N, C-alpha and C. Protein backbone atom coordinates (compact mmCIF):
# COMPACT_ATOMS: atom_id res chain seq x y z
N MET A 1 -18.56 -14.01 -11.04
CA MET A 1 -17.99 -14.20 -11.32
C MET A 1 -18.63 -15.06 -12.86
N ASP A 2 -16.94 -14.84 -14.23
CA ASP A 2 -17.36 -14.67 -15.31
C ASP A 2 -17.54 -16.06 -15.83
N TYR A 3 -19.11 -16.49 -16.10
CA TYR A 3 -18.72 -17.33 -16.51
C TYR A 3 -18.56 -18.07 -17.85
N LYS A 4 -18.86 -16.79 -18.72
CA LYS A 4 -18.57 -17.09 -20.04
C LYS A 4 -16.85 -17.58 -20.52
N ASN A 5 -15.90 -17.81 -19.69
CA ASN A 5 -14.46 -18.08 -19.04
C ASN A 5 -14.65 -19.39 -18.13
N SER A 6 -15.86 -20.12 -18.39
CA SER A 6 -15.53 -21.10 -17.42
C SER A 6 -15.37 -22.43 -18.48
N LYS A 7 -14.05 -23.08 -17.51
CA LYS A 7 -13.36 -24.34 -17.97
C LYS A 7 -13.96 -25.76 -17.86
N ALA A 8 -15.38 -25.71 -17.74
CA ALA A 8 -16.51 -26.55 -17.87
C ALA A 8 -16.78 -26.84 -18.75
N VAL A 9 -16.91 -28.25 -19.42
CA VAL A 9 -16.93 -28.74 -20.51
C VAL A 9 -18.36 -28.54 -21.16
N HIS A 10 -18.52 -28.17 -22.22
CA HIS A 10 -20.41 -28.00 -22.00
C HIS A 10 -21.51 -29.09 -23.54
N THR A 11 -20.81 -30.30 -23.49
CA THR A 11 -22.02 -31.46 -22.70
C THR A 11 -21.26 -32.92 -21.34
N THR A 12 -22.24 -33.43 -21.47
CA THR A 12 -22.68 -34.19 -20.26
C THR A 12 -21.43 -35.48 -19.79
N ILE A 13 -20.20 -35.33 -19.37
CA ILE A 13 -19.51 -36.64 -19.65
C ILE A 13 -19.89 -37.84 -17.86
N THR A 14 -19.31 -38.66 -18.13
CA THR A 14 -19.20 -39.53 -17.57
C THR A 14 -18.00 -39.24 -16.40
N ARG A 15 -18.73 -39.04 -14.87
CA ARG A 15 -17.72 -39.02 -13.56
C ARG A 15 -17.59 -40.09 -12.48
N ASP A 16 -16.40 -39.90 -12.70
CA ASP A 16 -15.99 -41.29 -11.90
C ASP A 16 -16.62 -41.41 -10.10
N MET A 17 -17.55 -41.81 -9.51
CA MET A 17 -17.88 -40.85 -8.55
C MET A 17 -17.14 -41.34 -6.95
N SER A 18 -15.98 -41.92 -7.24
CA SER A 18 -15.41 -42.36 -5.95
C SER A 18 -14.16 -41.27 -5.92
N GLU A 19 -13.86 -40.84 -7.04
CA GLU A 19 -13.13 -39.36 -7.89
C GLU A 19 -13.85 -38.61 -6.17
N LEU A 20 -15.55 -37.92 -7.45
CA LEU A 20 -15.55 -36.71 -6.53
C LEU A 20 -16.15 -36.96 -4.67
N ASP A 21 -16.26 -38.44 -4.37
CA ASP A 21 -16.62 -38.00 -3.18
C ASP A 21 -15.29 -38.22 -1.88
N ALA A 22 -14.06 -38.31 -2.89
CA ALA A 22 -13.02 -39.03 -2.73
C ALA A 22 -12.83 -37.02 -1.37
N LYS A 23 -13.09 -36.03 -2.09
CA LYS A 23 -12.75 -35.13 -0.84
C LYS A 23 -13.34 -34.56 -0.02
N ILE A 24 -14.62 -34.94 0.48
CA ILE A 24 -15.56 -34.55 1.13
C ILE A 24 -15.85 -36.44 2.11
N GLY A 25 -16.01 -37.39 1.32
CA GLY A 25 -16.62 -39.02 2.25
C GLY A 25 -17.57 -39.90 1.51
N ASN A 26 -18.09 -38.80 1.52
CA ASN A 26 -19.31 -39.27 1.74
C ASN A 26 -20.07 -38.45 0.09
N VAL A 27 -20.72 -39.14 -0.75
CA VAL A 27 -21.21 -39.21 -1.54
C VAL A 27 -22.69 -38.23 -1.86
N TYR A 28 -23.51 -38.39 -1.11
CA TYR A 28 -24.33 -37.56 -0.67
C TYR A 28 -24.68 -36.43 -0.89
N GLU A 29 -23.97 -35.94 -0.17
CA GLU A 29 -23.11 -34.61 0.87
C GLU A 29 -22.26 -33.78 -0.41
N THR A 30 -21.29 -34.97 -1.10
CA THR A 30 -21.15 -34.07 -2.43
C THR A 30 -21.98 -34.15 -3.45
N VAL A 31 -22.86 -34.77 -4.16
CA VAL A 31 -24.46 -34.44 -5.12
C VAL A 31 -24.64 -33.17 -4.34
N ALA A 32 -25.31 -32.89 -2.77
CA ALA A 32 -25.68 -31.69 -2.38
C ALA A 32 -25.02 -30.37 -2.66
N VAL A 33 -23.33 -30.17 -1.86
CA VAL A 33 -22.95 -29.59 -2.26
C VAL A 33 -22.39 -28.98 -3.47
N ILE A 34 -22.44 -29.95 -4.61
CA ILE A 34 -22.63 -29.48 -6.59
C ILE A 34 -24.75 -29.39 -6.53
N GLY A 35 -25.07 -29.46 -5.92
CA GLY A 35 -26.23 -28.75 -6.90
C GLY A 35 -26.60 -27.46 -5.79
N LYS A 36 -26.55 -27.14 -4.63
CA LYS A 36 -26.31 -26.37 -4.60
C LYS A 36 -25.62 -24.93 -5.16
N ARG A 37 -24.95 -26.01 -5.09
CA ARG A 37 -23.73 -24.69 -5.76
C ARG A 37 -24.50 -24.23 -7.35
N ALA A 38 -25.09 -25.50 -8.14
CA ALA A 38 -25.62 -25.32 -9.21
C ALA A 38 -26.63 -24.36 -9.06
N ASN A 39 -27.85 -24.18 -8.15
CA ASN A 39 -28.57 -23.18 -7.74
C ASN A 39 -28.00 -22.41 -7.92
N GLN A 40 -26.91 -21.70 -6.99
CA GLN A 40 -26.17 -20.62 -6.54
C GLN A 40 -26.20 -20.10 -8.32
N ILE A 41 -25.27 -20.55 -9.21
CA ILE A 41 -25.01 -20.33 -10.31
C ILE A 41 -26.35 -20.28 -11.40
N SER A 42 -27.09 -20.67 -11.01
CA SER A 42 -28.16 -20.59 -12.08
C SER A 42 -29.08 -19.47 -12.31
N SER A 43 -29.22 -18.75 -10.12
CA SER A 43 -30.17 -18.12 -10.10
C SER A 43 -29.03 -16.92 -10.27
N GLU A 44 -27.72 -16.79 -10.23
CA GLU A 44 -26.73 -15.38 -10.02
C GLU A 44 -27.54 -15.29 -12.12
N LEU A 45 -27.07 -16.61 -13.15
CA LEU A 45 -27.15 -16.50 -14.03
C LEU A 45 -28.74 -15.29 -14.91
N LYS A 46 -29.84 -15.87 -13.94
CA LYS A 46 -30.34 -15.81 -14.21
C LYS A 46 -31.30 -14.13 -13.74
N LYS A 47 -30.62 -13.61 -12.57
CA LYS A 47 -30.58 -12.18 -12.36
C LYS A 47 -30.05 -11.66 -13.92
N GLU A 48 -28.09 -11.76 -14.38
CA GLU A 48 -27.96 -10.95 -14.73
C GLU A 48 -28.55 -10.94 -16.53
N LEU A 49 -29.25 -12.23 -16.30
CA LEU A 49 -30.06 -12.53 -17.85
C LEU A 49 -30.76 -11.35 -18.13
N ASP A 50 -31.22 -11.35 -16.57
CA ASP A 50 -32.73 -10.31 -16.30
C ASP A 50 -32.43 -9.07 -17.03
N ALA A 51 -31.47 -9.01 -16.00
CA ALA A 51 -31.12 -7.21 -16.10
C ALA A 51 -30.55 -7.06 -17.09
N LYS A 52 -30.25 -7.17 -18.34
CA LYS A 52 -29.52 -7.04 -19.48
C LYS A 52 -30.86 -7.36 -19.91
N LEU A 53 -31.53 -8.28 -19.67
CA LEU A 53 -32.92 -7.66 -21.43
C LEU A 53 -33.95 -6.84 -20.57
N GLN A 54 -34.06 -6.34 -18.62
CA GLN A 54 -34.52 -5.26 -19.15
C GLN A 54 -34.76 -4.10 -19.86
N ASP A 55 -33.93 -3.87 -20.50
CA ASP A 55 -33.32 -2.00 -21.23
C ASP A 55 -34.20 -2.46 -22.54
N PHE A 56 -34.75 -4.00 -23.11
CA PHE A 56 -35.63 -4.13 -23.77
C PHE A 56 -37.28 -4.24 -23.92
N SER A 57 -37.38 -4.09 -23.01
CA SER A 57 -38.47 -4.60 -21.85
C SER A 57 -39.76 -3.67 -23.13
N ILE A 58 -40.60 -2.72 -23.27
CA ILE A 58 -41.53 -2.16 -23.78
C ILE A 58 -42.65 -2.26 -23.06
N PRO A 59 -43.87 -1.65 -22.37
CA PRO A 59 -44.69 -1.53 -22.19
C PRO A 59 -45.57 -1.59 -22.94
N GLN A 60 -46.33 -2.53 -22.78
CA GLN A 60 -47.33 -2.81 -23.53
C GLN A 60 -49.22 -2.87 -23.79
N ASP A 61 -50.31 -2.00 -24.44
CA ASP A 61 -51.14 -3.21 -24.23
C ASP A 61 -51.42 -3.93 -24.60
N ASN A 62 -51.21 -4.10 -25.95
CA ASN A 62 -51.47 -5.34 -26.82
C ASN A 62 -49.93 -6.45 -26.55
N ASN A 63 -50.77 -7.50 -25.94
CA ASN A 63 -49.72 -8.57 -25.76
C ASN A 63 -49.56 -10.03 -26.91
N ASP A 64 -50.44 -8.71 -28.28
CA ASP A 64 -49.85 -10.22 -28.70
C ASP A 64 -48.97 -9.47 -30.01
N GLU A 65 -48.26 -8.52 -30.02
CA GLU A 65 -46.95 -8.46 -30.82
C GLU A 65 -45.79 -8.35 -30.51
N VAL A 66 -45.83 -9.27 -31.31
CA VAL A 66 -43.87 -9.31 -30.63
C VAL A 66 -42.61 -8.87 -31.79
N PHE A 67 -42.54 -7.77 -30.61
CA PHE A 67 -41.19 -7.04 -31.41
C PHE A 67 -39.43 -8.33 -31.50
N GLU A 68 -38.99 -8.16 -32.73
CA GLU A 68 -37.74 -9.02 -32.79
C GLU A 68 -36.23 -8.04 -32.87
N ASN A 69 -35.89 -7.70 -31.69
CA ASN A 69 -34.45 -6.96 -31.38
C ASN A 69 -33.14 -7.83 -31.50
N LYS A 70 -32.55 -7.67 -32.65
CA LYS A 70 -31.34 -8.24 -33.26
C LYS A 70 -30.53 -8.61 -31.60
N GLU A 71 -30.01 -7.02 -30.94
CA GLU A 71 -29.26 -7.21 -29.85
C GLU A 71 -30.10 -8.12 -28.28
N GLN A 72 -30.77 -8.80 -28.15
CA GLN A 72 -31.80 -8.83 -27.56
C GLN A 72 -31.87 -10.61 -27.83
N ILE A 73 -31.64 -10.62 -29.16
CA ILE A 73 -31.48 -12.55 -29.58
C ILE A 73 -30.03 -12.57 -29.29
N GLU A 74 -29.16 -11.76 -29.82
CA GLU A 74 -27.70 -12.45 -29.41
C GLU A 74 -27.74 -12.47 -27.95
N ILE A 75 -27.96 -11.49 -27.35
CA ILE A 75 -28.11 -11.84 -25.62
C ILE A 75 -28.38 -12.68 -25.17
N SER A 76 -29.25 -13.25 -25.78
CA SER A 76 -30.08 -14.83 -25.41
C SER A 76 -29.55 -15.80 -25.81
N ARG A 77 -29.11 -15.49 -27.33
CA ARG A 77 -27.97 -17.43 -27.34
C ARG A 77 -26.59 -16.92 -26.63
N SER A 78 -25.72 -15.62 -26.32
CA SER A 78 -25.04 -15.46 -25.34
C SER A 78 -24.92 -16.96 -24.72
N TYR A 79 -26.71 -16.86 -24.01
CA TYR A 79 -26.44 -16.98 -22.78
C TYR A 79 -27.33 -18.82 -23.14
N GLU A 80 -27.32 -18.94 -24.00
CA GLU A 80 -27.75 -20.00 -24.23
C GLU A 80 -26.73 -21.33 -24.08
N VAL A 81 -25.95 -20.46 -24.92
CA VAL A 81 -24.35 -21.47 -25.45
C VAL A 81 -23.18 -21.85 -24.41
N LEU A 82 -23.32 -20.77 -22.88
CA LEU A 82 -23.12 -21.21 -22.11
C LEU A 82 -22.98 -22.87 -21.67
N PRO A 83 -21.63 -23.08 -20.63
CA PRO A 83 -22.80 -24.71 -20.24
C PRO A 83 -23.02 -24.96 -18.62
N LYS A 84 -24.45 -25.46 -18.51
CA LYS A 84 -25.00 -25.91 -17.97
C LYS A 84 -24.54 -25.66 -16.49
N PRO A 85 -25.32 -25.11 -15.67
CA PRO A 85 -25.01 -24.45 -14.30
C PRO A 85 -24.55 -25.76 -13.70
N THR A 86 -24.64 -27.24 -13.69
CA THR A 86 -24.32 -28.10 -13.02
C THR A 86 -23.06 -28.39 -13.11
N LEU A 87 -22.75 -28.54 -14.69
CA LEU A 87 -21.54 -28.38 -15.29
C LEU A 87 -20.25 -27.44 -14.93
N ILE A 88 -21.31 -26.45 -14.59
CA ILE A 88 -19.94 -24.93 -14.62
C ILE A 88 -19.86 -25.61 -12.72
N ALA A 89 -20.47 -25.72 -11.37
CA ALA A 89 -21.01 -26.43 -10.56
C ALA A 89 -19.63 -27.59 -9.79
N THR A 90 -19.39 -28.59 -11.05
CA THR A 90 -19.66 -29.42 -10.83
C THR A 90 -17.50 -29.68 -11.13
N GLN A 91 -17.55 -28.83 -12.27
CA GLN A 91 -16.17 -28.63 -12.56
C GLN A 91 -15.34 -27.31 -11.66
N GLU A 92 -15.94 -26.18 -10.77
CA GLU A 92 -15.41 -25.78 -9.71
C GLU A 92 -15.19 -26.66 -8.65
N PHE A 93 -15.91 -27.91 -8.27
CA PHE A 93 -15.84 -28.46 -7.00
C PHE A 93 -14.63 -29.39 -8.04
N ILE A 94 -14.43 -30.06 -9.14
CA ILE A 94 -12.85 -30.72 -9.68
C ILE A 94 -12.20 -29.52 -8.75
N ASP A 95 -11.59 -28.74 -9.17
CA ASP A 95 -10.69 -27.69 -9.51
C ASP A 95 -10.81 -27.33 -8.21
N ASP A 96 -11.43 -27.37 -7.05
CA ASP A 96 -11.10 -27.09 -5.47
C ASP A 96 -11.84 -25.36 -5.37
N GLU A 97 -12.40 -25.02 -6.09
CA GLU A 97 -12.27 -23.66 -6.39
C GLU A 97 -14.06 -23.23 -5.08
N LEU A 98 -14.67 -24.27 -4.58
CA LEU A 98 -15.18 -23.77 -3.70
C LEU A 98 -14.95 -24.03 -1.80
N ILE A 99 -15.73 -23.89 -1.24
CA ILE A 99 -15.95 -23.14 0.42
C ILE A 99 -16.93 -24.26 0.61
N ILE A 100 -16.59 -25.22 2.05
CA ILE A 100 -18.24 -25.31 2.31
C ILE A 100 -18.42 -25.49 3.56
N ARG A 101 -19.55 -25.09 3.48
CA ARG A 101 -20.13 -25.03 4.80
C ARG A 101 -20.80 -26.04 5.93
N ASN A 102 -20.89 -26.75 6.60
CA ASN A 102 -21.81 -27.15 7.30
C ASN A 102 -22.03 -27.29 8.96
N GLY A 103 -22.67 -26.21 9.17
CA GLY A 103 -22.60 -26.37 10.70
C GLY A 103 -21.45 -25.68 11.42
N SER A 104 -20.96 -26.19 11.96
CA SER A 104 -19.50 -25.94 12.61
C SER A 104 -18.55 -26.00 12.12
N LYS A 105 -18.82 -26.89 10.80
CA LYS A 105 -17.51 -27.40 10.14
C LYS A 105 -17.38 -26.45 9.27
N GLU A 106 -16.50 -25.95 8.84
CA GLU A 106 -16.43 -25.74 7.23
C GLU A 106 -14.65 -25.93 7.17
N ARG A 107 -14.99 -26.50 5.81
CA ARG A 107 -13.91 -27.43 4.46
C ARG A 107 -13.81 -26.07 3.91
N GLU A 108 -12.50 -26.23 3.17
CA GLU A 108 -12.45 -25.28 1.71
C GLU A 108 -11.83 -26.68 0.74
N PHE A 109 -12.76 -26.48 0.12
CA PHE A 109 -11.85 -27.40 -1.18
C PHE A 109 -11.54 -26.12 -2.17
C-alpha cells in the first residue's frame, strides 16, 4: 500500500472513543485491532526503507568513517515526514478499510 498518499493526519488529535468502538462494540478490541494494524504498517515501512537503503550500504572494515550520501538522506527524510503508523491505522479503521478476523468470526469494516 502507498502510505505516502494516506489521508491520515500528521499530528495527533483527540478521538471520541464512543465513535471508534461503535463498529466493534468493545473499546479494548478496537484498540487491539488498530494496534495490530499499526504494527503491520510499521514493519512494512521498515522493510521498504531497509530495501531502499540497502543500495547505499558499503562493507567497510573501519566503522569510524561515516559517508553522507544526499540520496540516502533524501530517502530517510521522505520516510520521516510520513504520518505515524498508529495514525495511518486509525484512519484506515475510521474509513472502513480493514478486514478483521477473530477466530471463527470475520467482520469487514
